[in-house]
């Protein structure tokens, strides 16, 4: 799981780990982050952390930050 997360972070211009999908956002903060990135014209790659709790655990361990959304710009 950690390798998959790192791959998304390293290969995306902008990676947004969020609750839900761009079509069905499940969190107000995730929606605000997505809206801000879209307004900025950023090429966003999104990852829904809800289907697998390991994503959130590994992401928090990797970033040192416990909350979602998390945005990574060019790694």
PDB file of N, CA and C in Angstrom:
ATOM      1  N   UNK A   1       0.835  -1.202   0.000  1.00  0.00           N
ATOM      2  CA  UNK A   1       0.000   0.000   0.000  1.00  0.00           C
ATOM      3  C   UNK A   1       0.874   1.258   0.000  1.00  0.00           C
ATOM      4  N   UNK A   2       1.916   1.264   0.815  1.00  0.00           N
ATOM      5  CA  UNK A   2       2.790   2.435   0.889  1.00  0.00           C
ATOM      6  C   UNK A   2       3.423   2.727  -0.476  1.00  0.00           C
ATOM      7  N   UNK A   3       3.843   1.691  -1.176  1.00  0.00           N
ATOM      8  CA  UNK A   3       4.449   1.887  -2.496  1.00  0.00           C
ATOM      9  C   UNK A   3       3.456   2.479  -3.486  1.00  0.00           C
ATOM     10  N   UNK A   4       2.195   2.055  -3.411  1.00  0.00           N
ATOM     11  CA  UNK A   4       1.166   2.600  -4.303  1.00  0.00           C
ATOM     12  C   UNK A   4       0.943   4.082  -4.022  1.00  0.00           C
ATOM     13  N   UNK A   5       0.898   4.438  -2.741  1.00  0.00           N
ATOM     14  CA  UNK A   5       0.706   5.841  -2.354  1.00  0.00           C
ATOM     15  C   UNK A   5       1.891   6.677  -2.833  1.00  0.00           C
ATOM     16  N   UNK A   6       3.101   6.196  -2.588  1.00  0.00           N
ATOM     17  CA  UNK A   6       4.293   6.926  -3.021  1.00  0.00           C
ATOM     18  C   UNK A   6       4.329   7.081  -4.535  1.00  0.00           C
ATOM     19  N   UNK A   7       3.893   6.070  -5.248  1.00  0.00           N
ATOM     20  CA  UNK A   7       3.863   6.141  -6.708  1.00  0.00           C
ATOM     21  C   UNK A   7       2.932   7.248  -7.183  1.00  0.00           C
ATOM     22  N   UNK A   8       1.752   7.354  -6.579  1.00  0.00           N
ATOM     23  CA  UNK A   8       0.808   8.425  -6.943  1.00  0.00           C
ATOM     24  C   UNK A   8       1.428   9.787  -6.653  1.00  0.00           C
ATOM     25  N   UNK A   9       2.029   9.927  -5.480  1.00  0.00           N
ATOM     26  CA  UNK A   9       2.629  11.202  -5.087  1.00  0.00           C
ATOM     27  C   UNK A   9       3.762  11.586  -6.035  1.00  0.00           C
ATOM     28  N   UNK A  10       4.604  10.626  -6.378  1.00  0.00           N
ATOM     29  CA  UNK A  10       5.788  10.909  -7.186  1.00  0.00           C
ATOM     30  C   UNK A  10       5.487  11.106  -8.670  1.00  0.00           C
ATOM     31  N   UNK A  11       4.399  10.526  -9.164  1.00  0.00           N
ATOM     32  CA  UNK A  11       4.122  10.603 -10.601  1.00  0.00           C
ATOM     33  C   UNK A  11       3.042  11.620 -10.969  1.00  0.00           C
ATOM     34  N   UNK A  12       2.437  12.246  -9.975  1.00  0.00           N
ATOM     35  CA  UNK A  12       1.363  13.220 -10.238  1.00  0.00           C
ATOM     36  C   UNK A  12       1.880  14.635 -10.043  1.00  0.00           C
ATOM     37  N   UNK A  13       1.457  15.546 -10.919  1.00  0.00           N
ATOM     38  CA  UNK A  13       1.778  16.956 -10.688  1.00  0.00           C
ATOM     39  C   UNK A  13       1.156  17.411  -9.381  1.00  0.00           C
ATOM     40  N   UNK A  14      -0.111  17.072  -9.188  1.00  0.00           N
ATOM     41  CA  UNK A  14      -0.825  17.388  -7.953  1.00  0.00           C
ATOM     42  C   UNK A  14      -1.643  16.163  -7.564  1.00  0.00           C
ATOM     43  N   UNK A  15      -1.396  15.654  -6.361  1.00  0.00           N
ATOM     44  CA  UNK A  15      -2.145  14.506  -5.850  1.00  0.00           C
ATOM     45  C   UNK A  15      -3.000  14.965  -4.676  1.00  0.00           C
ATOM     46  N   UNK A  16      -4.284  14.660  -4.744  1.00  0.00           N
ATOM     47  CA  UNK A  16      -5.223  15.003  -3.676  1.00  0.00           C
ATOM     48  C   UNK A  16      -5.795  13.713  -3.108  1.00  0.00           C
ATOM     49  N   UNK A  17      -5.459  13.434  -1.859  1.00  0.00           N
ATOM     50  CA  UNK A  17      -6.037  12.305  -1.142  1.00  0.00           C
ATOM     51  C   UNK A  17      -7.237  12.862  -0.393  1.00  0.00           C
ATOM     52  N   UNK A  18      -8.418  12.360  -0.728  1.00  0.00           N
ATOM     53  CA  UNK A  18      -9.661  12.973  -0.264  1.00  0.00           C
ATOM     54  C   UNK A  18     -10.662  11.919   0.175  1.00  0.00           C
ATOM     55  N   UNK A  19     -11.708  12.387   0.822  1.00  0.00           N
ATOM     56  CA  UNK A  19     -12.822  11.513   1.193  1.00  0.00           C
ATOM     57  C   UNK A  19     -13.867  11.610   0.093  1.00  0.00           C
ATOM     58  N   UNK A  20     -13.992  10.532  -0.674  1.00  0.00           N
ATOM     59  CA  UNK A  20     -14.929  10.498  -1.782  1.00  0.00           C
ATOM     60  C   UNK A  20     -14.214  10.650  -3.109  1.00  0.00           C
ATOM     61  N   UNK A  21     -15.010  10.877  -4.138  1.00  0.00           N
ATOM     62  CA  UNK A  21     -14.494  11.056  -5.493  1.00  0.00           C
ATOM     63  C   UNK A  21     -14.852  12.462  -5.966  1.00  0.00           C
ATOM     64  N   UNK A  22     -14.243  12.936  -7.041  1.00  0.00           N
ATOM     65  CA  UNK A  22     -14.621  14.255  -7.546  1.00  0.00           C
ATOM     66  C   UNK A  22     -16.110  14.355  -7.883  1.00  0.00           C
ATOM     67  N   UNK A  23     -16.722  13.241  -8.268  1.00  0.00           N
ATOM     68  CA  UNK A  23     -18.143  13.241  -8.601  1.00  0.00           C
ATOM     69  C   UNK A  23     -19.032  13.126  -7.362  1.00  0.00           C
ATOM     70  N   UNK A  24     -18.497  12.567  -6.276  1.00  0.00           N
ATOM     71  CA  UNK A  24     -19.292  12.353  -5.061  1.00  0.00           C
ATOM     72  C   UNK A  24     -18.405  12.578  -3.841  1.00  0.00           C
ATOM     73  N   UNK A  25     -18.141  13.843  -3.537  1.00  0.00           N
ATOM     74  CA  UNK A  25     -17.267  14.219  -2.430  1.00  0.00           C
ATOM     75  C   UNK A  25     -18.005  13.996  -1.111  1.00  0.00           C
ATOM     76  N   UNK A  26     -17.311  13.380  -0.152  1.00  0.00           N
ATOM     77  CA  UNK A  26     -17.937  12.993   1.115  1.00  0.00           C
ATOM     78  C   UNK A  26     -17.496  13.852   2.298  1.00  0.00           C
ATOM     79  N   UNK A  27     -16.843  14.983   2.046  1.00  0.00           N
ATOM     80  CA  UNK A  27     -16.295  15.796   3.130  1.00  0.00           C
ATOM     81  C   UNK A  27     -16.178  17.240   2.653  1.00  0.00           C
ATOM     82  N   UNK A  28     -16.579  18.162   3.496  1.00  0.00           N
ATOM     83  CA  UNK A  28     -16.510  19.573   3.140  1.00  0.00           C
ATOM     84  C   UNK A  28     -15.096  20.051   2.859  1.00  0.00           C
ATOM     85  N   UNK A  29     -14.141  19.622   3.669  1.00  0.00           N
ATOM     86  CA  UNK A  29     -12.755  20.037   3.448  1.00  0.00           C
ATOM     87  C   UNK A  29     -12.196  19.454   2.152  1.00  0.00           C
ATOM     88  N   UNK A  30     -12.574  18.231   1.842  1.00  0.00           N
ATOM     89  CA  UNK A  30     -12.149  17.637   0.569  1.00  0.00           C
ATOM     90  C   UNK A  30     -12.733  18.421  -0.600  1.00  0.00           C
ATOM     91  N   UNK A  31     -13.980  18.845  -0.485  1.00  0.00           N
ATOM     92  CA  UNK A  31     -14.616  19.634  -1.543  1.00  0.00           C
ATOM     93  C   UNK A  31     -13.912  20.969  -1.717  1.00  0.00           C
ATOM     94  N   UNK A  32     -13.586  21.635  -0.603  1.00  0.00           N
ATOM     95  CA  UNK A  32     -12.902  22.924  -0.688  1.00  0.00           C
ATOM     96  C   UNK A  32     -11.518  22.779  -1.331  1.00  0.00           C
ATOM     97  N   UNK A  33     -10.801  21.726  -0.965  1.00  0.00           N
ATOM     98  CA  UNK A  33      -9.475  21.500  -1.557  1.00  0.00           C
ATOM     99  C   UNK A  33      -9.595  21.250  -3.058  1.00  0.00           C
ATOM    100  N   UNK A  34     -10.533  20.404  -3.444  1.00  0.00           N
ATOM    101  CA  UNK A  34     -10.742  20.103  -4.862  1.00  0.00           C
ATOM    102  C   UNK A  34     -11.134  21.358  -5.633  1.00  0.00           C
ATOM    103  N   UNK A  35     -12.048  22.143  -5.084  1.00  0.00           N
ATOM    104  CA  UNK A  35     -12.483  23.379  -5.745  1.00  0.00           C
ATOM    105  C   UNK A  35     -11.316  24.346  -5.934  1.00  0.00           C
ATOM    106  N   UNK A  36     -10.488  24.504  -4.901  1.00  0.00           N
ATOM    107  CA  UNK A  36      -9.348  25.424  -4.977  1.00  0.00           C
ATOM    108  C   UNK A  36      -8.351  24.971  -6.042  1.00  0.00           C
ATOM    109  N   UNK A  37      -8.086  23.681  -6.089  1.00  0.00           N
ATOM    110  CA  UNK A  37      -7.153  23.158  -7.088  1.00  0.00           C
ATOM    111  C   UNK A  37      -7.713  23.315  -8.499  1.00  0.00           C
ATOM    112  N   UNK A  38      -8.997  23.093  -8.653  1.00  0.00           N
ATOM    113  CA  UNK A  38      -9.620  23.273  -9.972  1.00  0.00           C
ATOM    114  C   UNK A  38      -9.582  24.733 -10.408  1.00  0.00           C
ATOM    115  N   UNK A  39      -9.886  25.652  -9.473  1.00  0.00           N
ATOM    116  CA  UNK A  39      -9.841  27.082  -9.797  1.00  0.00           C
ATOM    117  C   UNK A  39      -8.433  27.500 -10.225  1.00  0.00           C
ATOM    118  N   UNK A  40      -7.435  26.875  -9.630  1.00  0.00           N
ATOM    119  CA  UNK A  40      -6.043  27.186  -9.964  1.00  0.00           C
ATOM    120  C   UNK A  40      -5.611  26.543 -11.282  1.00  0.00           C
ATOM    121  N   UNK A  41      -6.475  25.687 -11.832  1.00  0.00           N
ATOM    122  CA  UNK A  41      -6.151  25.019 -13.083  1.00  0.00           C
ATOM    123  C   UNK A  41      -5.156  23.882 -12.920  1.00  0.00           C
ATOM    124  N   UNK A  42      -5.043  23.371 -11.714  1.00  0.00           N
ATOM    125  CA  UNK A  42      -4.076  22.301 -11.441  1.00  0.00           C
ATOM    126  C   UNK A  42      -4.545  20.977 -12.039  1.00  0.00           C
ATOM    127  N   UNK A  43      -3.621  20.218 -12.608  1.00  0.00           N
ATOM    128  CA  UNK A  43      -3.947  18.877 -13.113  1.00  0.00           C
ATOM    129  C   UNK A  43      -3.982  17.897 -11.940  1.00  0.00           C
ATOM    130  N   UNK A  44      -5.142  17.701 -11.370  1.00  0.00           N
ATOM    131  CA  UNK A  44      -5.287  16.963 -10.113  1.00  0.00           C
ATOM    132  C   UNK A  44      -5.518  15.472 -10.349  1.00  0.00           C
ATOM    133  N   UNK A  45      -4.741  14.660  -9.639  1.00  0.00           N
ATOM    134  CA  UNK A  45      -4.986  13.228  -9.535  1.00  0.00           C
ATOM    135  C   UNK A  45      -5.606  13.004  -8.166  1.00  0.00           C
ATOM    136  N   UNK A  46      -6.794  12.417  -8.117  1.00  0.00           N
ATOM    137  CA  UNK A  46      -7.469  12.219  -6.837  1.00  0.00           C
ATOM    138  C   UNK A  46      -7.421  10.754  -6.420  1.00  0.00           C
ATOM    139  N   UNK A  47      -7.380  10.560  -5.095  1.00  0.00           N
ATOM    140  CA  UNK A  47      -7.434   9.224  -4.513  1.00  0.00           C
ATOM    141  C   UNK A  47      -8.464   9.252  -3.392  1.00  0.00           C
ATOM    142  N   UNK A  48      -9.460   8.394  -3.489  1.00  0.00           N
ATOM    143  CA  UNK A  48     -10.487   8.251  -2.457  1.00  0.00           C
ATOM    144  C   UNK A  48      -9.921   7.351  -1.362  1.00  0.00           C
ATOM    145  N   UNK A  49      -9.802   7.880  -0.146  1.00  0.00           N
ATOM    146  CA  UNK A  49      -9.224   7.101   0.953  1.00  0.00           C
ATOM    147  C   UNK A  49     -10.263   6.240   1.667  1.00  0.00           C
ATOM    148  N   UNK A  50     -11.537   6.420   1.368  1.00  0.00           N
ATOM    149  CA  UNK A  50     -12.590   5.736   2.120  1.00  0.00           C
ATOM    150  C   UNK A  50     -12.710   4.227   1.872  1.00  0.00           C
ATOM    151  N   UNK A  51     -12.496   3.717   0.663  1.00  0.00           N
ATOM    152  CA  UNK A  51     -12.722   2.283   0.448  1.00  0.00           C
ATOM    153  C   UNK A  51     -11.789   1.362   1.235  1.00  0.00           C
ATOM    154  N   UNK A  52     -10.597   1.845   1.596  1.00  0.00           N
ATOM    155  CA  UNK A  52      -9.622   0.990   2.271  1.00  0.00           C
ATOM    156  C   UNK A  52      -8.962   1.774   3.406  1.00  0.00           C
ATOM    157  N   UNK A  53      -9.219   1.415   4.671  1.00  0.00           N
ATOM    158  CA  UNK A  53      -8.648   2.153   5.804  1.00  0.00           C
ATOM    159  C   UNK A  53      -7.118   2.166   5.818  1.00  0.00           C
ATOM    160  N   UNK A  54      -6.508   1.213   5.130  1.00  0.00           N
ATOM    161  CA  UNK A  54      -5.041   1.184   5.091  1.00  0.00           C
ATOM    162  C   UNK A  54      -4.472   2.392   4.353  1.00  0.00           C
ATOM    163  N   UNK A  55      -5.235   2.944   3.411  1.00  0.00           N
ATOM    164  CA  UNK A  55      -4.750   4.127   2.684  1.00  0.00           C
ATOM    165  C   UNK A  55      -4.521   5.261   3.666  1.00  0.00           C
ATOM    166  N   UNK A  56      -5.489   5.532   4.508  1.00  0.00           N
ATOM    167  CA  UNK A  56      -5.369   6.627   5.478  1.00  0.00           C
ATOM    168  C   UNK A  56      -4.234   6.367   6.454  1.00  0.00           C
ATOM    169  N   UNK A  57      -4.123   5.143   6.940  1.00  0.00           N
ATOM    170  CA  UNK A  57      -3.064   4.804   7.891  1.00  0.00           C
ATOM    171  C   UNK A  57      -1.681   4.997   7.274  1.00  0.00           C
ATOM    172  N   UNK A  58      -1.492   4.469   6.087  1.00  0.00           N
ATOM    173  CA  UNK A  58      -0.187   4.582   5.428  1.00  0.00           C
ATOM    174  C   UNK A  58       0.116   6.019   5.025  1.00  0.00           C
ATOM    175  N   UNK A  59      -0.892   6.738   4.557  1.00  0.00           N
ATOM    176  CA  UNK A  59      -0.703   8.130   4.165  1.00  0.00           C
ATOM    177  C   UNK A  59      -0.279   8.960   5.369  1.00  0.00           C
ATOM    178  N   UNK A  60      -0.944   8.773   6.503  1.00  0.00           N
ATOM    179  CA  UNK A  60      -0.595   9.508   7.719  1.00  0.00           C
ATOM    180  C   UNK A  60       0.810   9.163   8.192  1.00  0.00           C
ATOM    181  N   UNK A  61       1.175   7.886   8.113  1.00  0.00           N
ATOM    182  CA  UNK A  61       2.524   7.475   8.504  1.00  0.00           C
ATOM    183  C   UNK A  61       3.568   8.090   7.573  1.00  0.00           C
ATOM    184  N   UNK A  62       3.253   8.167   6.306  1.00  0.00           N
ATOM    185  CA  UNK A  62       4.170   8.703   5.304  1.00  0.00           C
ATOM    186  C   UNK A  62       4.343  10.214   5.434  1.00  0.00           C
ATOM    187  N   UNK A  63       3.237  10.917   5.649  1.00  0.00           N
ATOM    188  CA  UNK A  63       3.276  12.385   5.669  1.00  0.00           C
ATOM    189  C   UNK A  63       3.498  12.972   7.060  1.00  0.00           C
ATOM    190  N   UNK A  64       3.198  12.184   8.095  1.00  0.00           N
ATOM    191  CA  UNK A  64       3.285  12.716   9.449  1.00  0.00           C
ATOM    192  C   UNK A  64       2.106  13.605   9.807  1.00  0.00           C
ATOM    193  N   UNK A  65       1.055  13.540   9.009  1.00  0.00           N
ATOM    194  CA  UNK A  65      -0.132  14.379   9.216  1.00  0.00           C
ATOM    195  C   UNK A  65      -1.366  13.483   9.287  1.00  0.00           C
ATOM    196  N   UNK A  66      -2.220  13.642  10.318  1.00  0.00           N
ATOM    197  CA  UNK A  66      -3.311  12.690  10.529  1.00  0.00           C
ATOM    198  C   UNK A  66      -4.614  12.965   9.784  1.00  0.00           C
ATOM    199  N   UNK A  67      -4.787  14.171   9.264  1.00  0.00           N
ATOM    200  CA  UNK A  67      -6.107  14.514   8.736  1.00  0.00           C
ATOM    201  C   UNK A  67      -6.146  14.494   7.209  1.00  0.00           C
ATOM    202  N   UNK A  68      -7.363  14.429   6.700  1.00  0.00           N
ATOM    203  CA  UNK A  68      -7.658  14.404   5.270  1.00  0.00           C
ATOM    204  C   UNK A  68      -8.516  15.625   4.980  1.00  0.00           C
ATOM    205  N   UNK A  69      -8.333  16.301   3.878  1.00  0.00           N
ATOM    206  CA  UNK A  69      -7.550  15.964   2.697  1.00  0.00           C
ATOM    207  C   UNK A  69      -6.062  16.276   2.874  1.00  0.00           C
ATOM    208  N   UNK A  70      -5.269  15.642   2.018  1.00  0.00           N
ATOM    209  CA  UNK A  70      -3.843  15.932   1.925  1.00  0.00           C
ATOM    210  C   UNK A  70      -3.507  16.158   0.457  1.00  0.00           C
ATOM    211  N   UNK A  71      -2.726  17.203   0.227  1.00  0.00           N
ATOM    212  CA  UNK A  71      -2.344  17.587  -1.132  1.00  0.00           C
ATOM    213  C   UNK A  71      -0.824  17.516  -1.256  1.00  0.00           C
ATOM    214  N   UNK A  72      -0.367  16.919  -2.336  1.00  0.00           N
ATOM    215  CA  UNK A  72       1.059  16.836  -2.630  1.00  0.00           C
ATOM    216  C   UNK A  72       1.286  17.429  -4.014  1.00  0.00           C
ATOM    217  N   UNK A  73       2.221  18.368  -4.095  1.00  0.00           N
ATOM    218  CA  UNK A  73       2.530  19.026  -5.362  1.00  0.00           C
ATOM    219  C   UNK A  73       3.915  18.580  -5.820  1.00  0.00           C
ATOM    220  N   UNK A  74       3.942  17.902  -6.957  1.00  0.00           N
ATOM    221  CA  UNK A  74       5.189  17.380  -7.548  1.00  0.00           C
ATOM    222  C   UNK A  74       6.040  16.650  -6.518  1.00  0.00           C
ATOM    223  N   UNK A  75       5.390  15.706  -5.838  1.00  0.00           N
ATOM    224  CA  UNK A  75       6.094  14.856  -4.879  1.00  0.00           C
ATOM    225  C   UNK A  75       6.240  15.526  -3.571  1.00  0.00           C
TER     226      UNK A  75
END
